[in-house]
PDB file of N, CA and C in Angstrom:
ATOM      1  N   MET A   1       0.855  -1.082   0.128  1.00  0.00           N
ATOM      2  CA  MET A   1       0.259  -0.316   0.100  1.00  0.00           C
ATOM      3  C   MET A   1       0.950   0.881  -0.163  1.00  0.00           C
ATOM      4  N   LEU A   2       0.383   2.599  -1.042  1.00  0.00           N
ATOM      5  CA  LEU A   2       1.305   3.375  -1.153  1.00  0.00           C
ATOM      6  C   LEU A   2       1.003   4.021   0.381  1.00  0.00           C
ATOM      7  N   LEU A   3       2.179   4.909   0.605  1.00  0.00           N
ATOM      8  CA  LEU A   3       1.219   5.734   1.362  1.00  0.00           C
ATOM      9  C   LEU A   3       1.123   7.825   0.849  1.00  0.00           C
ATOM     10  N   THR A   4      -0.019   7.851   1.770  1.00  0.00           N
ATOM     11  CA  THR A   4      -0.191   9.317   1.046  1.00  0.00           C
ATOM     12  C   THR A   4       0.399  10.429   2.015  1.00  0.00           C
ATOM     13  N   PHE A   5       0.987  10.946   2.148  1.00  0.00           N
ATOM     14  CA  PHE A   5       0.943  12.126   2.609  1.00  0.00           C
ATOM     15  C   PHE A   5       0.097  12.968   2.446  1.00  0.00           C
ATOM     16  N   ARG A   6      -0.029  13.851   3.963  1.00  0.00           N
ATOM     17  CA  ARG A   6      -1.347  15.745   3.856  1.00  0.00           C
ATOM     18  C   ARG A   6      -0.013  16.610   3.520  1.00  0.00           C
ATOM     19  N   PRO A   7      -0.314  17.483   2.794  1.00  0.00           N
ATOM     20  CA  PRO A   7       0.185  18.461   2.361  1.00  0.00           C
ATOM     21  C   PRO A   7       0.903  18.977   3.788  1.00  0.00           C
ATOM     22  N   THR A   8       1.592  19.730   3.820  1.00  0.00           N
ATOM     23  CA  THR A   8       2.143  21.134   4.977  1.00  0.00           C
ATOM     24  C   THR A   8       1.355  22.208   5.152  1.00  0.00           C
ATOM     25  N   PRO A   9       0.434  22.254   6.849  1.00  0.00           N
ATOM     26  CA  PRO A   9      -0.427  23.550   6.132  1.00  0.00           C
ATOM     27  C   PRO A   9       0.205  24.947   6.558  1.00  0.00           C
ATOM     28  N   THR A  10       1.513  24.907   5.784  1.00  0.00           N
ATOM     29  CA  THR A  10       1.902  26.274   4.594  1.00  0.00           C
ATOM     30  C   THR A  10       1.789  26.491   3.462  1.00  0.00           C
ATOM     31  N   CYS A  11       1.445  27.468   3.199  1.00  0.00           N
ATOM     32  CA  CYS A  11       1.078  26.473   1.690  1.00  0.00           C
ATOM     33  C   CYS A  11       2.542  28.247   0.927  1.00  0.00           C
ATOM     34  N   THR A  12       3.463  27.571  -0.118  1.00  0.00           N
ATOM     35  CA  THR A  12       4.400  28.266  -0.971  1.00  0.00           C
ATOM     36  C   THR A  12       4.382  28.701  -2.064  1.00  0.00           C
ATOM     37  N   ARG A  13       5.523  29.459  -1.921  1.00  0.00           N
ATOM     38  CA  ARG A  13       5.640  30.262  -3.747  1.00  0.00           C
ATOM     39  C   ARG A  13       6.682  29.450  -4.073  1.00  0.00           C
ATOM     40  N   PHE A  14       7.512  28.880  -3.686  1.00  0.00           N
ATOM     41  CA  PHE A  14       9.172  29.041  -4.031  1.00  0.00           C
ATOM     42  C   PHE A  14       8.990  27.857  -5.086  1.00  0.00           C
ATOM     43  N   GLN A  15      10.551  28.340  -5.864  1.00  0.00           N
ATOM     44  CA  GLN A  15       9.766  27.850  -7.517  1.00  0.00           C
ATOM     45  C   GLN A  15      10.226  26.360  -7.707  1.00  0.00           C
ATOM     46  N   THR A  16       9.068  25.528  -7.862  1.00  0.00           N
ATOM     47  CA  THR A  16       9.298  24.055  -8.123  1.00  0.00           C
ATOM     48  C   THR A  16      11.190  23.145  -8.509  1.00  0.00           C
ATOM     49  N   SER A  17      10.796  22.112  -8.483  1.00  0.00           N
ATOM     50  CA  SER A  17      12.554  21.858  -8.981  1.00  0.00           C
ATOM     51  C   SER A  17      11.682  20.200  -8.460  1.00  0.00           C
ATOM     52  N   ILE A  18      13.169  19.374  -9.550  1.00  0.00           N
ATOM     53  CA  ILE A  18      12.840  18.046  -9.104  1.00  0.00           C
ATOM     54  C   ILE A  18      13.580  17.765  -8.087  1.00  0.00           C
ATOM     55  N   GLU A  19      14.047  18.188  -7.154  1.00  0.00           N
ATOM     56  CA  GLU A  19      15.066  17.942  -5.518  1.00  0.00           C
ATOM     57  C   GLU A  19      15.077  18.943  -4.760  1.00  0.00           C
ATOM     58  N   MET A  20      14.859  17.949  -3.805  1.00  0.00           N
ATOM     59  CA  MET A  20      15.143  19.123  -2.045  1.00  0.00           C
ATOM     60  C   MET A  20      15.832  18.592  -1.311  1.00  0.00           C
ATOM     61  N   PRO A  21      16.437  19.105  -0.392  1.00  0.00           N
ATOM     62  CA  PRO A  21      16.512  17.836   1.150  1.00  0.00           C
ATOM     63  C   PRO A  21      15.237  17.936   1.936  1.00  0.00           C
ATOM     64  N   CYS A  22      16.107  16.002   1.839  1.00  0.00           N
ATOM     65  CA  CYS A  22      14.372  15.700   3.494  1.00  0.00           C
ATOM     66  C   CYS A  22      14.981  15.957   4.058  1.00  0.00           C
ATOM     67  N   MET A  23      14.085  16.183   5.649  1.00  0.00           N
ATOM     68  CA  MET A  23      13.752  17.010   6.602  1.00  0.00           C
ATOM     69  C   MET A  23      14.537  16.379   7.886  1.00  0.00           C
ATOM     70  N   LYS A  24      13.953  14.854   7.407  1.00  0.00           N
ATOM     71  CA  LYS A  24      14.879  13.289   7.941  1.00  0.00           C
ATOM     72  C   LYS A  24      16.378  13.386   8.622  1.00  0.00           C
ATOM     73  N   CYS A  25      16.618  12.878   7.043  1.00  0.00           N
ATOM     74  CA  CYS A  25      18.162  11.842   6.979  1.00  0.00           C
ATOM     75  C   CYS A  25      19.213  13.372   5.552  1.00  0.00           C
ATOM     76  N   GLY A  26      18.737  14.982   4.922  1.00  0.00           N
ATOM     77  CA  GLY A  26      19.353  15.354   4.567  1.00  0.00           C
ATOM     78  C   GLY A  26      19.292  14.735   2.767  1.00  0.00           C
ATOM     79  N   ALA A  27      19.184  13.463   2.309  1.00  0.00           N
ATOM     80  CA  ALA A  27      19.678  12.716   1.711  1.00  0.00           C
ATOM     81  C   ALA A  27      18.396  14.157   0.035  1.00  0.00           C
ATOM     82  N   GLN A  28      18.909  13.956  -0.888  1.00  0.00           N
ATOM     83  CA  GLN A  28      17.618  14.491  -1.946  1.00  0.00           C
ATOM     84  C   GLN A  28      16.856  13.322  -2.229  1.00  0.00           C
ATOM     85  N   MET A  29      14.905  13.899  -2.151  1.00  0.00           N
ATOM     86  CA  MET A  29      13.962  13.472  -2.008  1.00  0.00           C
ATOM     87  C   MET A  29      13.267  14.420  -3.481  1.00  0.00           C
ATOM     88  N   ARG A  30      13.458  14.396  -4.051  1.00  0.00           N
ATOM     89  CA  ARG A  30      12.799  13.506  -5.775  1.00  0.00           C
ATOM     90  C   ARG A  30      11.018  14.084  -5.681  1.00  0.00           C
ATOM     91  N   LEU A  31      11.112  15.408  -7.027  1.00  0.00           N
ATOM     92  CA  LEU A  31       9.459  15.358  -7.047  1.00  0.00           C
ATOM     93  C   LEU A  31       8.523  13.625  -7.342  1.00  0.00           C
ATOM     94  N   ALA A  32       8.380  13.577  -6.667  1.00  0.00           N
ATOM     95  CA  ALA A  32       7.542  11.992  -7.207  1.00  0.00           C
ATOM     96  C   ALA A  32       5.521  12.843  -7.517  1.00  0.00           C
ATOM     97  N   THR A  33       5.015  13.791  -7.215  1.00  0.00           N
ATOM     98  CA  THR A  33       4.088  13.832  -8.129  1.00  0.00           C
ATOM     99  C   THR A  33       3.647  15.239  -8.091  1.00  0.00           C
ATOM    100  N   ILE A  34       2.846  15.656  -9.185  1.00  0.00           N
ATOM    101  CA  ILE A  34       1.939  17.172  -8.594  1.00  0.00           C
ATOM    102  C   ILE A  34       0.787  16.927  -8.910  1.00  0.00           C
ATOM    103  N   GLU A  35      -0.505  16.862  -8.073  1.00  0.00           N
ATOM    104  CA  GLU A  35      -1.507  17.051  -7.656  1.00  0.00           C
ATOM    105  C   GLU A  35      -2.058  17.764  -8.094  1.00  0.00           C
ATOM    106  N   ARG A  36      -3.895  18.858  -8.917  1.00  0.00           N
ATOM    107  CA  ARG A  36      -4.781  19.643  -8.959  1.00  0.00           C
ATOM    108  C   ARG A  36      -4.748  19.826  -7.661  1.00  0.00           C
ATOM    109  N   ARG A  37      -5.107  20.291  -6.851  1.00  0.00           N
ATOM    110  CA  ARG A  37      -5.738  20.209  -6.142  1.00  0.00           C
ATOM    111  C   ARG A  37      -7.626  21.337  -6.176  1.00  0.00           C
ATOM    112  N   ASP A  38      -7.217  21.985  -6.803  1.00  0.00           N
ATOM    113  CA  ASP A  38      -8.569  23.303  -7.751  1.00  0.00           C
ATOM    114  C   ASP A  38      -7.360  23.795  -8.392  1.00  0.00           C
ATOM    115  N   GLN A  39      -7.973  24.729  -8.577  1.00  0.00           N
ATOM    116  CA  GLN A  39      -7.923  25.995  -9.951  1.00  0.00           C
ATOM    117  C   GLN A  39      -6.789  27.061  -8.942  1.00  0.00           C
ATOM    118  N   ASN A  40      -7.132  26.869  -7.810  1.00  0.00           N
ATOM    119  CA  ASN A  40      -5.524  27.907  -7.444  1.00  0.00           C
ATOM    120  C   ASN A  40      -4.374  27.173  -6.743  1.00  0.00           C
ATOM    121  N   TYR A  41      -4.035  26.088  -6.283  1.00  0.00           N
ATOM    122  CA  TYR A  41      -3.375  25.441  -5.981  1.00  0.00           C
ATOM    123  C   TYR A  41      -2.947  24.224  -6.298  1.00  0.00           C
ATOM    124  N   ASP A  42      -1.998  23.598  -6.708  1.00  0.00           N
ATOM    125  CA  ASP A  42      -1.585  22.385  -5.929  1.00  0.00           C
ATOM    126  C   ASP A  42      -0.539  21.171  -5.618  1.00  0.00           C
ATOM    127  N   VAL A  43      -0.111  20.176  -5.639  1.00  0.00           N
ATOM    128  CA  VAL A  43      -0.143  19.664  -3.680  1.00  0.00           C
ATOM    129  C   VAL A  43       0.858  18.789  -4.241  1.00  0.00           C
ATOM    130  N   LEU A  44       3.114  19.540  -4.240  1.00  0.00           N
ATOM    131  CA  LEU A  44       3.856  18.617  -4.952  1.00  0.00           C
ATOM    132  C   LEU A  44       3.711  17.536  -3.597  1.00  0.00           C
ATOM    133  N   THR A  45       4.480  16.434  -4.058  1.00  0.00           N
ATOM    134  CA  THR A  45       4.685  15.207  -2.737  1.00  0.00           C
ATOM    135  C   THR A  45       6.380  14.888  -3.941  1.00  0.00           C
ATOM    136  N   TYR A  46       7.137  14.740  -2.593  1.00  0.00           N
ATOM    137  CA  TYR A  46       8.140  14.021  -2.558  1.00  0.00           C
ATOM    138  C   TYR A  46       8.377  12.945  -2.051  1.00  0.00           C
ATOM    139  N   ARG A  47       9.861  12.557  -2.811  1.00  0.00           N
ATOM    140  CA  ARG A  47       9.752  11.006  -1.905  1.00  0.00           C
ATOM    141  C   ARG A  47      11.165  11.386  -1.126  1.00  0.00           C
ATOM    142  N   CYS A  48      11.321  10.138  -0.601  1.00  0.00           N
ATOM    143  CA  CYS A  48      13.409  10.161  -0.727  1.00  0.00           C
ATOM    144  C   CYS A  48      13.121   8.977  -0.102  1.00  0.00           C
ATOM    145  N   THR A  49      14.112   7.979  -1.015  1.00  0.00           N
ATOM    146  CA  THR A  49      14.643   6.898  -1.311  1.00  0.00           C
ATOM    147  C   THR A  49      14.832   6.017  -0.313  1.00  0.00           C
ATOM    148  N   PRO A  50      17.013   6.951   0.465  1.00  0.00           N
ATOM    149  CA  PRO A  50      17.565   6.107   1.428  1.00  0.00           C
ATOM    150  C   PRO A  50      16.237   6.044   2.571  1.00  0.00           C
ATOM    151  N   CYS A  51      15.803   7.047   3.144  1.00  0.00           N
ATOM    152  CA  CYS A  51      14.697   7.362   4.401  1.00  0.00           C
ATOM    153  C   CYS A  51      12.903   6.624   3.841  1.00  0.00           C
ATOM    154  N   ASP A  52      13.165   6.170   3.038  1.00  0.00           N
ATOM    155  CA  ASP A  52      11.217   5.815   2.841  1.00  0.00           C
ATOM    156  C   ASP A  52      10.948   7.230   3.102  1.00  0.00           C
ATOM    157  N   SER A  53      10.538   8.228   3.454  1.00  0.00           N
ATOM    158  CA  SER A  53      10.059   9.395   3.681  1.00  0.00           C
ATOM    159  C   SER A  53       9.686  10.279   2.712  1.00  0.00           C
ATOM    160  N   GLY A  54       8.876  11.180   2.824  1.00  0.00           N
ATOM    161  CA  GLY A  54       7.742  11.113   2.133  1.00  0.00           C
ATOM    162  C   GLY A  54       7.877  12.885   2.821  1.00  0.00           C
ATOM    163  N   GLU A  55       7.507  14.123   1.631  1.00  0.00           N
ATOM    164  CA  GLU A  55       7.026  15.613   2.262  1.00  0.00           C
ATOM    165  C   GLU A  55       6.387  15.519   0.973  1.00  0.00           C
ATOM    166  N   SER A  56       4.580  16.341   1.656  1.00  0.00           N
ATOM    167  CA  SER A  56       4.250  16.792   0.662  1.00  0.00           C
ATOM    168  C   SER A  56       3.806  18.550   0.977  1.00  0.00           C
ATOM    169  N   PHE A  57       3.571  19.166  -0.065  1.00  0.00           N
ATOM    170  CA  PHE A  57       3.771  20.570  -0.008  1.00  0.00           C
ATOM    171  C   PHE A  57       2.996  20.912  -0.614  1.00  0.00           C
ATOM    172  N   LEU A  58       1.747  22.650  -0.516  1.00  0.00           N
ATOM    173  CA  LEU A  58       0.865  23.356  -1.037  1.00  0.00           C
ATOM    174  C   LEU A  58       1.473  24.271  -1.926  1.00  0.00           C
ATOM    175  N   LYS A  59       1.415  24.537  -2.956  1.00  0.00           N
ATOM    176  CA  LYS A  59       1.796  25.283  -3.815  1.00  0.00           C
ATOM    177  C   LYS A  59       0.919  26.523  -4.839  1.00  0.00           C
ATOM    178  N   ALA A  60       1.329  26.981  -4.579  1.00  0.00           N
ATOM    179  CA  ALA A  60       0.139  28.910  -4.706  1.00  0.00           C
ATOM    180  C   ALA A  60       0.640  28.330  -6.530  1.00  0.00           C
ATOM    181  N   ARG A  61      -0.446  28.745  -7.021  1.00  0.00           N
ATOM    182  CA  ARG A  61       0.162  28.169  -9.164  1.00  0.00           C
ATOM    183  C   ARG A  61       0.275  30.147  -9.317  1.00  0.00           C
TER     184      ARG A  61
END
């Protein structure tokens, strides 16, 4: 079963990149999915292979 990560409660306007540092282990997480939430926001989910964690963020369009 795939884990679904919930978005952090903050909305961000950062530039989307395919990698970002993992908050748990510091390795590079890869952008796994971009899901349209509504007409104003997307949910970006990053996965970390070394520690098998993930983070999701709301991103304003």
